[in-house]
C-alpha atoms as a PDB file:
ATOM      1  CA  MET A   1      73.039  86.880  72.246  1.00  0.00           C
ATOM      2  CA  LYS A   2      75.443  88.623  70.000  1.00  0.00           C
ATOM      3  CA  PHE A   3      79.106  88.150  71.004  1.00  0.00           C
ATOM      4  CA  SER A   4      82.403  89.605  69.549  1.00  0.00           C
ATOM      5  CA  GLU A   5      83.791  88.325  67.050  1.00  0.00           C
ATOM      6  CA  GLU A   6      86.572  87.892  68.987  1.00  0.00           C
ATOM      7  CA  PHE A   7      84.281  84.957  71.315  1.00  0.00           C
ATOM      8  CA  GLU A   8      83.052  83.528  67.768  1.00  0.00           C
ATOM      9  CA  ALA A   9      86.431  83.033  66.970  1.00  0.00           C
ATOM     10  CA  ARG A  10      87.939  81.500  70.305  1.00  0.00           C
ATOM     11  CA  PHE A  11      84.470  79.062  70.174  1.00  0.00           C
ATOM     12  CA  ALA A  12      84.880  78.121  66.563  1.00  0.00           C
ATOM     13  CA  GLU A  13      88.587  77.143  67.067  1.00  0.00           C
ATOM     14  CA  MET A  14      87.718  75.592  70.177  1.00  0.00           C
ATOM     15  CA  VAL A  15      84.718  73.031  70.217  1.00  0.00           C
ATOM     16  CA  PRO A  16      86.823  70.689  67.857  1.00  0.00           C
ATOM     17  CA  HIS A  17      89.497  69.937  69.864  1.00  0.00           C
ATOM     18  CA  TYR A  18      87.268  68.607  72.278  1.00  0.00           C
ATOM     19  CA  PRO A  19      85.579  65.189  72.097  1.00  0.00           C
ATOM     20  CA  THR A  20      82.441  65.961  72.278  1.00  0.00           C
ATOM     21  CA  LYS A  21      80.642  69.683  72.716  1.00  0.00           C
ATOM     22  CA  ARG A  22      80.173  69.401  75.956  1.00  0.00           C
ATOM     23  CA  SER A  23      84.047  69.571  76.841  1.00  0.00           C
ATOM     24  CA  ALA A  24      83.839  72.765  75.751  1.00  0.00           C
ATOM     25  CA  LEU A  25      81.721  73.962  78.713  1.00  0.00           C
ATOM     26  CA  VAL A  26      84.245  75.584  81.087  1.00  0.00           C
ATOM     27  CA  PRO A  27      86.270  77.755  79.160  1.00  0.00           C
ATOM     28  CA  THR A  28      83.519  78.683  77.025  1.00  0.00           C
ATOM     29  CA  LEU A  29      81.772  79.545  79.975  1.00  0.00           C
ATOM     30  CA  LEU A  30      84.992  81.780  81.211  1.00  0.00           C
ATOM     31  CA  TYR A  31      85.175  83.226  77.511  1.00  0.00           C
ATOM     32  CA  ALA A  32      81.369  84.319  78.071  1.00  0.00           C
ATOM     33  CA  GLN A  33      81.793  85.963  81.723  1.00  0.00           C
ATOM     34  CA  ASP A  34      84.785  87.625  80.377  1.00  0.00           C
ATOM     35  CA  GLU A  35      83.402  89.613  77.870  1.00  0.00           C
ATOM     36  CA  VAL A  36      79.750  90.479  78.957  1.00  0.00           C
ATOM     37  CA  GLY A  37      81.109  90.533  83.120  1.00  0.00           C
ATOM     38  CA  PHE A  38      78.585  87.930  84.459  1.00  0.00           C
ATOM     39  CA  LEU A  39      76.718  84.353  82.882  1.00  0.00           C
ATOM     40  CA  SER A  40      73.186  85.724  82.817  1.00  0.00           C
ATOM     41  CA  ASP A  41      70.115  83.995  81.859  1.00  0.00           C
ATOM     42  CA  GLU A  42      70.443  85.182  78.148  1.00  0.00           C
ATOM     43  CA  VAL A  43      74.097  83.896  78.487  1.00  0.00           C
ATOM     44  CA  ILE A  44      73.170  80.444  79.368  1.00  0.00           C
ATOM     45  CA  ALA A  45      70.319  79.957  77.424  1.00  0.00           C
ATOM     46  CA  GLU A  46      72.894  80.867  74.038  1.00  0.00           C
ATOM     47  CA  LEU A  47      75.350  78.498  75.413  1.00  0.00           C
ATOM     48  CA  ALA A  48      73.037  75.669  76.599  1.00  0.00           C
ATOM     49  CA  GLY A  49      71.897  76.049  73.018  1.00  0.00           C
ATOM     50  CA  ARG A  50      75.471  75.833  70.925  1.00  0.00           C
ATOM     51  CA  LEU A  51      76.821  72.958  73.179  1.00  0.00           C
ATOM     52  CA  ASP A  52      73.503  70.851  73.121  1.00  0.00           C
ATOM     53  CA  LEU A  53      73.091  70.695  77.201  1.00  0.00           C
ATOM     54  CA  THR A  54      70.433  71.526  78.870  1.00  0.00           C
ATOM     55  CA  GLU A  55      69.854  75.310  80.498  1.00  0.00           C
ATOM     56  CA  LEU A  56      69.977  73.318  84.120  1.00  0.00           C
ATOM     57  CA  GLU A  57      73.479  71.101  83.250  1.00  0.00           C
ATOM     58  CA  VAL A  58      74.955  74.442  82.394  1.00  0.00           C
ATOM     59  CA  ARG A  59      73.796  75.887  85.638  1.00  0.00           C
ATOM     60  CA  ASN A  60      75.083  72.965  87.122  1.00  0.00           C
ATOM     61  CA  VAL A  61      78.949  73.454  86.272  1.00  0.00           C
ATOM     62  CA  ILE A  62      78.417  77.055  86.992  1.00  0.00           C
ATOM     63  CA  SER A  63      77.643  76.378  90.508  1.00  0.00           C
ATOM     64  CA  TYR A  64      80.297  74.083  91.408  1.00  0.00           C
ATOM     65  CA  TYR A  65      83.157  76.583  90.293  1.00  0.00           C
ATOM     66  CA  SER A  66      83.513  79.703  91.989  1.00  0.00           C
ATOM     67  CA  MET A  67      85.366  81.681  89.431  1.00  0.00           C
ATOM     68  CA  LEU A  68      81.813  81.081  87.501  1.00  0.00           C
ATOM     69  CA  THR A  69      79.525  83.528  88.535  1.00  0.00           C
ATOM     70  CA  THR A  70      75.475  84.209  87.788  1.00  0.00           C
ATOM     71  CA  LYS A  71      75.489  88.246  89.336  1.00  0.00           C
ATOM     72  CA  PRO A  72      77.244  90.722  87.754  1.00  0.00           C
ATOM     73  CA  ARG A  73      81.085  91.477  89.967  1.00  0.00           C
ATOM     74  CA  GLY A  74      83.189  94.561  90.205  1.00  0.00           C
ATOM     75  CA  LYS A  75      85.906  95.074  87.704  1.00  0.00           C
ATOM     76  CA  PHE A  76      88.333  92.609  90.109  1.00  0.00           C
ATOM     77  CA  ASN A  77      87.424  90.164  91.446  1.00  0.00           C
ATOM     78  CA  LEU A  78      89.143  89.551  94.949  1.00  0.00           C
ATOM     79  CA  GLN A  79      89.293  86.149  95.839  1.00  0.00           C
ATOM     80  CA  VAL A  80      91.174  85.568  99.247  1.00  0.00           C
ATOM     81  CA  CYS A  81      92.123  81.873 100.201  1.00  0.00           C
ATOM     82  CA  THR A  82      90.976  80.739 103.783  1.00  0.00           C
ATOM     83  CA  ASN A  83      91.290  76.999 103.232  1.00  0.00           C
ATOM     84  CA  ILE A  84      94.211  74.944 105.742  1.00  0.00           C
ATOM     85  CA  SER A  85      97.316  76.156 104.610  1.00  0.00           C
ATOM     86  CA  CYS A  86      96.677  79.879 103.910  1.00  0.00           C
ATOM     87  CA  LEU A  87      94.331  79.863 106.987  1.00  0.00           C
ATOM     88  CA  VAL A  88      97.307  79.041 109.326  1.00  0.00           C
ATOM     89  CA  ARG A  89      99.674  81.125 107.774  1.00  0.00           C
ATOM     90  CA  GLY A  90      97.501  84.600 107.935  1.00  0.00           C
ATOM     91  CA  GLY A  91      94.462  84.052 105.386  1.00  0.00           C
ATOM     92  CA  GLU A  92      91.951  85.223 107.680  1.00  0.00           C
ATOM     93  CA  GLU A  93      93.623  88.150 108.328  1.00  0.00           C
ATOM     94  CA  ILE A  94      93.890  88.707 104.740  1.00  0.00           C
ATOM     95  CA  LEU A  95      90.284  88.532 104.525  1.00  0.00           C
ATOM     96  CA  GLN A  96      89.487  90.435 106.905  1.00  0.00           C
ATOM     97  CA  HIS A  97      91.782  93.135 105.763  1.00  0.00           C
ATOM     98  CA  CYS A  98      90.337  93.619 102.616  1.00  0.00           C
ATOM     99  CA  ALA A  99      86.943  93.756 103.736  1.00  0.00           C
ATOM    100  CA  LYS A 100      87.950  96.562 106.128  1.00  0.00           C
ATOM    101  CA  LYS A 101      89.176  98.128 103.532  1.00  0.00           C
ATOM    102  CA  LEU A 102      86.565  97.777 101.105  1.00  0.00           C
ATOM    103  CA  GLY A 103      84.244  98.418 102.720  1.00  0.00           C
ATOM    104  CA  VAL A 104      82.464  94.844 102.024  1.00  0.00           C
ATOM    105  CA  GLY A 105      81.981  91.071 103.428  1.00  0.00           C
ATOM    106  CA  HIS A 106      81.963  87.692 101.380  1.00  0.00           C
ATOM    107  CA  LYS A 107      80.414  88.377  97.573  1.00  0.00           C
ATOM    108  CA  GLY A 108      80.157  91.576  98.359  1.00  0.00           C
ATOM    109  CA  THR A 109      80.817  94.592  95.539  1.00  0.00           C
ATOM    110  CA  THR A 110      81.814  98.565  96.866  1.00  0.00           C
ATOM    111  CA  PRO A 111      79.703 100.721  95.737  1.00  0.00           C
ATOM    112  CA  ASP A 112      81.944 101.864  93.146  1.00  0.00           C
ATOM    113  CA  GLY A 113      81.695  98.576  90.982  1.00  0.00           C
ATOM    114  CA  LEU A 114      85.666  98.533  90.713  1.00  0.00           C
ATOM    115  CA  PHE A 115      86.047  94.955  93.828  1.00  0.00           C
ATOM    116  CA  THR A 116      84.274  91.910  94.796  1.00  0.00           C
ATOM    117  CA  LEU A 117      85.512  90.485  97.348  1.00  0.00           C
ATOM    118  CA  GLU A 118      85.322  86.672  97.940  1.00  0.00           C
ATOM    119  CA  GLU A 119      86.584  83.910 100.377  1.00  0.00           C
ATOM    120  CA  VAL A 120      87.341  81.059  98.530  1.00  0.00           C
ATOM    121  CA  GLU A 121      88.343  77.312 100.140  1.00  0.00           C
ATOM    122  CA  CYS A 122      90.989  76.756  97.175  1.00  0.00           C
ATOM    123  CA  ILE A 123      93.448  78.796  94.893  1.00  0.00           C
ATOM    124  CA  GLY A 124      96.076  76.003  94.513  1.00  0.00           C
ATOM    125  CA  ALA A 125      98.535  77.569  96.157  1.00  0.00           C
ATOM    126  CA  CYS A 126      99.197  76.091  99.561  1.00  0.00           C
ATOM    127  CA  SER A 127     102.549  76.268  99.095  1.00  0.00           C
ATOM    128  CA  TRP A 128     103.018  79.959  99.059  1.00  0.00           C
ATOM    129  CA  ALA A 129     100.313  80.719 101.544  1.00  0.00           C
ATOM    130  CA  PRO A 130      98.686  83.286 102.369  1.00  0.00           C
ATOM    131  CA  ALA A 131      97.386  83.685  98.738  1.00  0.00           C
ATOM    132  CA  ALA A 132      94.373  85.481  96.763  1.00  0.00           C
ATOM    133  CA  GLN A 133      93.640  85.809  93.404  1.00  0.00           C
ATOM    134  CA  VAL A 134      92.476  89.184  91.820  1.00  0.00           C
ATOM    135  CA  ASN A 135      90.834  88.368  88.174  1.00  0.00           C
ATOM    136  CA  TYR A 136      93.757  85.808  86.703  1.00  0.00           C
ATOM    137  CA  ASP A 137      96.621  87.244  88.408  1.00  0.00           C
ATOM    138  CA  PHE A 138      97.953  84.978  91.664  1.00  0.00           C
ATOM    139  CA  HIS A 139      99.401  86.909  94.427  1.00  0.00           C
ATOM    140  CA  GLU A 140     101.238  84.587  97.138  1.00  0.00           C
ATOM    141  CA  ASN A 141     103.621  84.977 100.530  1.00  0.00           C
ATOM    142  CA  LEU A 142     100.548  87.723 100.997  1.00  0.00           C
ATOM    143  CA  THR A 143     100.988  90.167 104.276  1.00  0.00           C
ATOM    144  CA  THR A 144      98.744  93.380 104.504  1.00  0.00           C
ATOM    145  CA  GLU A 145     101.114  95.510 103.454  1.00  0.00           C
ATOM    146  CA  LYS A 146     101.683  93.306 100.119  1.00  0.00           C
ATOM    147  CA  MET A 147      97.870  93.416 100.073  1.00  0.00           C
ATOM    148  CA  ASP A 148      97.659  96.921  99.678  1.00  0.00           C
ATOM    149  CA  ARG A 149      99.887  96.854  97.221  1.00  0.00           C
ATOM    150  CA  VAL A 150      98.269  95.027  95.293  1.00  0.00           C
ATOM    151  CA  LEU A 151      94.742  96.932  96.239  1.00  0.00           C
ATOM    152  CA  ASP A 152      96.895 100.369  95.012  1.00  0.00           C
ATOM    153  CA  LYS A 153      97.928  98.734  91.363  1.00  0.00           C
ATOM    154  CA  CYS A 154      93.870  97.852  90.530  1.00  0.00           C
ATOM    155  CA  LEU A 155      92.905 101.018  91.166  1.00  0.00           C
ATOM    156  CA  ALA A 156      95.497 102.764  89.251  1.00  0.00           C
ATOM    157  CA  GLN A 157      94.862 100.717  86.651  1.00  0.00           C
ATOM    158  CA  ALA A 158      91.116 101.686  87.135  1.00  0.00           C
ATOM    159  CA  GLN A 159      92.285 104.985  87.106  1.00  0.00           C
ATOM    160  CA  GLU A 160      94.251 104.798  84.187  1.00  0.00           C
ATOM    161  CA  GLN A 161      91.372 103.480  82.216  1.00  0.00           C
ATOM    162  CA  LEU A 162      88.868 106.099  83.151  1.00  0.00           C
ATOM    163  CA  GLN A 163      91.488 108.732  82.097  1.00  0.00           C
ATOM    164  CA  ARG A 164      92.151 106.933  78.464  1.00  0.00           C
ATOM    165  CA  ILE A 165      88.048 106.932  77.988  1.00  0.00           C
ATOM    166  CA  LYS A 166      87.918 110.895  79.040  1.00  0.00           C
ATOM    167  CA  SER A 167      90.583 111.719  76.817  1.00  0.00           C
ATOM    168  CA  VAL A 168      88.947 109.693  73.717  1.00  0.00           C
ATOM    169  CA  ASP A 169      85.749 111.599  75.119  1.00  0.00           C
ATOM    170  CA  SER A 170      87.498 114.709  75.648  1.00  0.00           C
ATOM    171  CA  LEU A 171      89.074 114.064  71.183  1.00  0.00           C
ATOM    172  CA  ALA A 172      85.382 112.950  70.007  1.00  0.00           C
ATOM    173  CA  ASP A 173      84.026 116.168  71.271  1.00  0.00           C
ATOM    174  CA  THR A 174      86.795 118.128  69.423  1.00  0.00           C
ATOM    175  CA  LEU A 175      86.004 116.907  66.526  1.00  0.00           C
ATOM    176  CA  SER A 176      81.948 116.810  66.900  1.00  0.00           C
ATOM    177  CA  GLN A 177      82.871 120.576  67.585  1.00  0.00           C
ATOM    178  CA  ARG A 178      85.210 121.083  64.376  1.00  0.00           C
ATOM    179  CA  SER A 179      82.353 119.269  61.783  1.00  0.00           C
ATOM    180  CA  GLU A 180      79.619 121.220  63.083  1.00  0.00           C
ATOM    181  CA  GLY A 181      81.627 124.643  62.411  1.00  0.00           C
END
């Protein structure tokens, strides 16, 4: 398994800061997931070897944390809290609204691969309920209208990135044509 130079630098910097290699597991899993998109069998085996753990030990940690996944997720992982504080302040309505708007249920991914919707027990924002998290960004005191703005912002961000990719592809085509001519 080959990771990016950035991942390798983070890993090399991080591991010595912990008393044992095992202690670096969760942040290493997060960095790997951010890079690869999910924690594949290959990633799990590689990290287990690097941290002197069994694959089962790594999988046990992955299964404990809702932010870690062994299945591909959408570009935007939307986690809506429905624990007690969020529930009594509208968390279930936010979840249902997102499910209807995105056309997917719990742990479902939209056909375009942009969104994965997940119901979670707690994201630690009880004082600002109802709350949701999109990737690493928290959104509190939500209403369906605020949630729509969050989703619209994600769509705009995805469209902007797609436009940049198209511009790069167009430039590459132009340069290729010039070098052929």
